[in-house]
Amino acid sequence: MLRETGLHLRPGIGGIDVKSNIVETPDDVARRIEAAVNVLGPERASWTYPVGGF
């Protein structure tokens, strides 16, 4: 779905799962951001945020 939205949209990527009781490592967060960049494309992954899911 995100791949098919207009290229003018640049969604923010949340790096931390605030609903989890597990403390995520920096590597976990980096993998999550890299996975989002792979879906969105590097030209659209302009913003990352420390938390997601609010």
N, C-alpha and C. Protein backbone atom coordinates (compact mmCIF):
# COMPACT_ATOMS: atom_id res chain seq x y z
N MET A 1 0.82 -1.18 0.00
CA MET A 1 0.00 0.00 0.00
C MET A 1 0.87 1.26 0.00
N LEU A 2 1.90 1.30 0.86
CA LEU A 2 2.75 2.50 0.90
C LEU A 2 3.52 2.70 -0.39
N ARG A 3 3.90 1.62 -1.04
CA ARG A 3 4.63 1.74 -2.31
C ARG A 3 3.79 2.42 -3.38
N GLU A 4 2.47 2.28 -3.26
CA GLU A 4 1.58 2.77 -4.31
C GLU A 4 1.08 4.18 -4.05
N THR A 5 1.40 4.77 -2.92
CA THR A 5 0.97 6.14 -2.66
C THR A 5 1.86 7.11 -3.42
N GLY A 6 1.41 8.30 -3.56
CA GLY A 6 2.16 9.30 -4.31
C GLY A 6 3.54 9.55 -3.72
N LEU A 7 4.50 9.81 -4.60
CA LEU A 7 5.87 10.04 -4.16
C LEU A 7 6.03 11.32 -3.37
N HIS A 8 5.04 12.21 -3.46
CA HIS A 8 5.12 13.46 -2.70
C HIS A 8 4.92 13.24 -1.21
N LEU A 9 4.35 12.10 -0.82
CA LEU A 9 4.13 11.80 0.59
C LEU A 9 5.41 11.21 1.19
N ARG A 10 5.82 11.71 2.33
CA ARG A 10 7.00 11.23 3.01
C ARG A 10 6.63 10.87 4.46
N PRO A 11 6.14 9.65 4.65
CA PRO A 11 5.71 9.27 6.00
C PRO A 11 6.90 9.17 6.95
N GLY A 12 6.65 9.50 8.21
CA GLY A 12 7.69 9.34 9.23
C GLY A 12 7.76 7.90 9.68
N ILE A 13 8.95 7.48 10.05
CA ILE A 13 9.17 6.11 10.50
C ILE A 13 9.39 6.13 12.01
N GLY A 14 8.53 5.42 12.75
CA GLY A 14 8.69 5.29 14.20
C GLY A 14 9.66 4.16 14.50
N GLY A 15 10.62 4.40 15.36
CA GLY A 15 11.66 3.42 15.61
C GLY A 15 11.46 2.53 16.82
N ILE A 16 10.61 2.92 17.75
CA ILE A 16 10.42 2.18 19.00
C ILE A 16 8.97 1.74 19.11
N ASP A 17 8.77 0.50 19.52
CA ASP A 17 7.42 0.00 19.76
C ASP A 17 7.04 0.32 21.21
N VAL A 18 6.25 1.36 21.40
CA VAL A 18 5.90 1.80 22.75
C VAL A 18 4.94 0.85 23.46
N LYS A 19 4.34 -0.09 22.74
CA LYS A 19 3.40 -1.03 23.35
C LYS A 19 4.09 -2.30 23.81
N SER A 20 5.40 -2.40 23.61
CA SER A 20 6.14 -3.59 23.99
C SER A 20 6.81 -3.39 25.35
N ASN A 21 6.87 -4.44 26.13
CA ASN A 21 7.58 -4.40 27.41
C ASN A 21 9.05 -4.75 27.26
N ILE A 22 9.46 -5.12 26.08
CA ILE A 22 10.84 -5.50 25.81
C ILE A 22 11.63 -4.26 25.42
N VAL A 23 12.79 -4.08 26.04
CA VAL A 23 13.66 -2.96 25.69
C VAL A 23 14.39 -3.34 24.41
N GLU A 24 14.18 -2.56 23.37
CA GLU A 24 14.79 -2.85 22.07
C GLU A 24 16.23 -2.36 22.02
N THR A 25 17.07 -3.12 21.37
CA THR A 25 18.46 -2.72 21.22
C THR A 25 18.59 -1.73 20.06
N PRO A 26 19.67 -0.97 20.01
CA PRO A 26 19.89 -0.10 18.86
C PRO A 26 19.86 -0.87 17.53
N ASP A 27 20.36 -2.10 17.53
CA ASP A 27 20.32 -2.91 16.31
C ASP A 27 18.88 -3.25 15.90
N ASP A 28 18.01 -3.53 16.89
CA ASP A 28 16.60 -3.79 16.59
C ASP A 28 15.96 -2.59 15.92
N VAL A 29 16.22 -1.42 16.48
CA VAL A 29 15.65 -0.18 15.93
C VAL A 29 16.18 0.08 14.53
N ALA A 30 17.48 -0.11 14.35
CA ALA A 30 18.10 0.10 13.03
C ALA A 30 17.51 -0.84 12.00
N ARG A 31 17.29 -2.11 12.37
CA ARG A 31 16.69 -3.08 11.43
C ARG A 31 15.27 -2.65 11.05
N ARG A 32 14.52 -2.15 12.02
CA ARG A 32 13.15 -1.71 11.74
C ARG A 32 13.14 -0.53 10.77
N ILE A 33 14.04 0.42 10.98
CA ILE A 33 14.13 1.57 10.09
C ILE A 33 14.59 1.15 8.70
N GLU A 34 15.58 0.25 8.63
CA GLU A 34 16.06 -0.23 7.33
C GLU A 34 14.95 -0.96 6.57
N ALA A 35 14.13 -1.73 7.29
CA ALA A 35 13.02 -2.43 6.63
C ALA A 35 12.02 -1.43 6.06
N ALA A 36 11.74 -0.37 6.79
CA ALA A 36 10.81 0.65 6.30
C ALA A 36 11.40 1.36 5.08
N VAL A 37 12.69 1.65 5.11
CA VAL A 37 13.34 2.30 3.96
C VAL A 37 13.27 1.39 2.73
N ASN A 38 13.41 0.08 2.94
CA ASN A 38 13.31 -0.85 1.81
C ASN A 38 11.92 -0.84 1.18
N VAL A 39 10.89 -0.62 1.98
CA VAL A 39 9.53 -0.57 1.46
C VAL A 39 9.25 0.79 0.82
N LEU A 40 9.61 1.86 1.52
CA LEU A 40 9.29 3.20 1.05
C LEU A 40 10.21 3.69 -0.05
N GLY A 41 11.46 3.26 -0.01
CA GLY A 41 12.48 3.78 -0.90
C GLY A 41 13.23 4.90 -0.18
N PRO A 42 14.52 5.00 -0.39
CA PRO A 42 15.32 5.98 0.35
C PRO A 42 14.92 7.43 0.08
N GLU A 43 14.36 7.70 -1.09
CA GLU A 43 13.96 9.08 -1.40
C GLU A 43 12.73 9.52 -0.62
N ARG A 44 11.99 8.56 -0.06
CA ARG A 44 10.77 8.90 0.69
C ARG A 44 10.95 8.77 2.19
N ALA A 45 12.00 8.14 2.62
CA ALA A 45 12.22 7.93 4.05
C ALA A 45 13.00 9.12 4.61
N SER A 46 12.33 10.24 4.72
CA SER A 46 12.98 11.48 5.10
C SER A 46 13.04 11.69 6.61
N TRP A 47 12.11 11.11 7.34
CA TRP A 47 12.00 11.40 8.76
C TRP A 47 11.95 10.12 9.56
N THR A 48 12.66 10.10 10.68
CA THR A 48 12.50 9.03 11.65
C THR A 48 12.16 9.66 12.99
N TYR A 49 11.37 8.94 13.77
CA TYR A 49 10.93 9.44 15.06
C TYR A 49 11.29 8.39 16.11
N PRO A 50 11.56 8.81 17.34
CA PRO A 50 11.95 7.84 18.36
C PRO A 50 10.84 6.87 18.73
N VAL A 51 9.58 7.29 18.57
CA VAL A 51 8.48 6.41 18.94
C VAL A 51 7.48 6.30 17.81
N GLY A 52 6.74 5.24 17.82
CA GLY A 52 5.64 5.06 16.87
C GLY A 52 4.47 4.43 17.58
N GLY A 53 3.32 4.51 16.98
CA GLY A 53 2.16 3.83 17.54
C GLY A 53 1.27 4.67 18.43
N PHE A 54 1.46 5.97 18.46
CA PHE A 54 0.56 6.80 19.27
C PHE A 54 -0.71 7.05 18.54
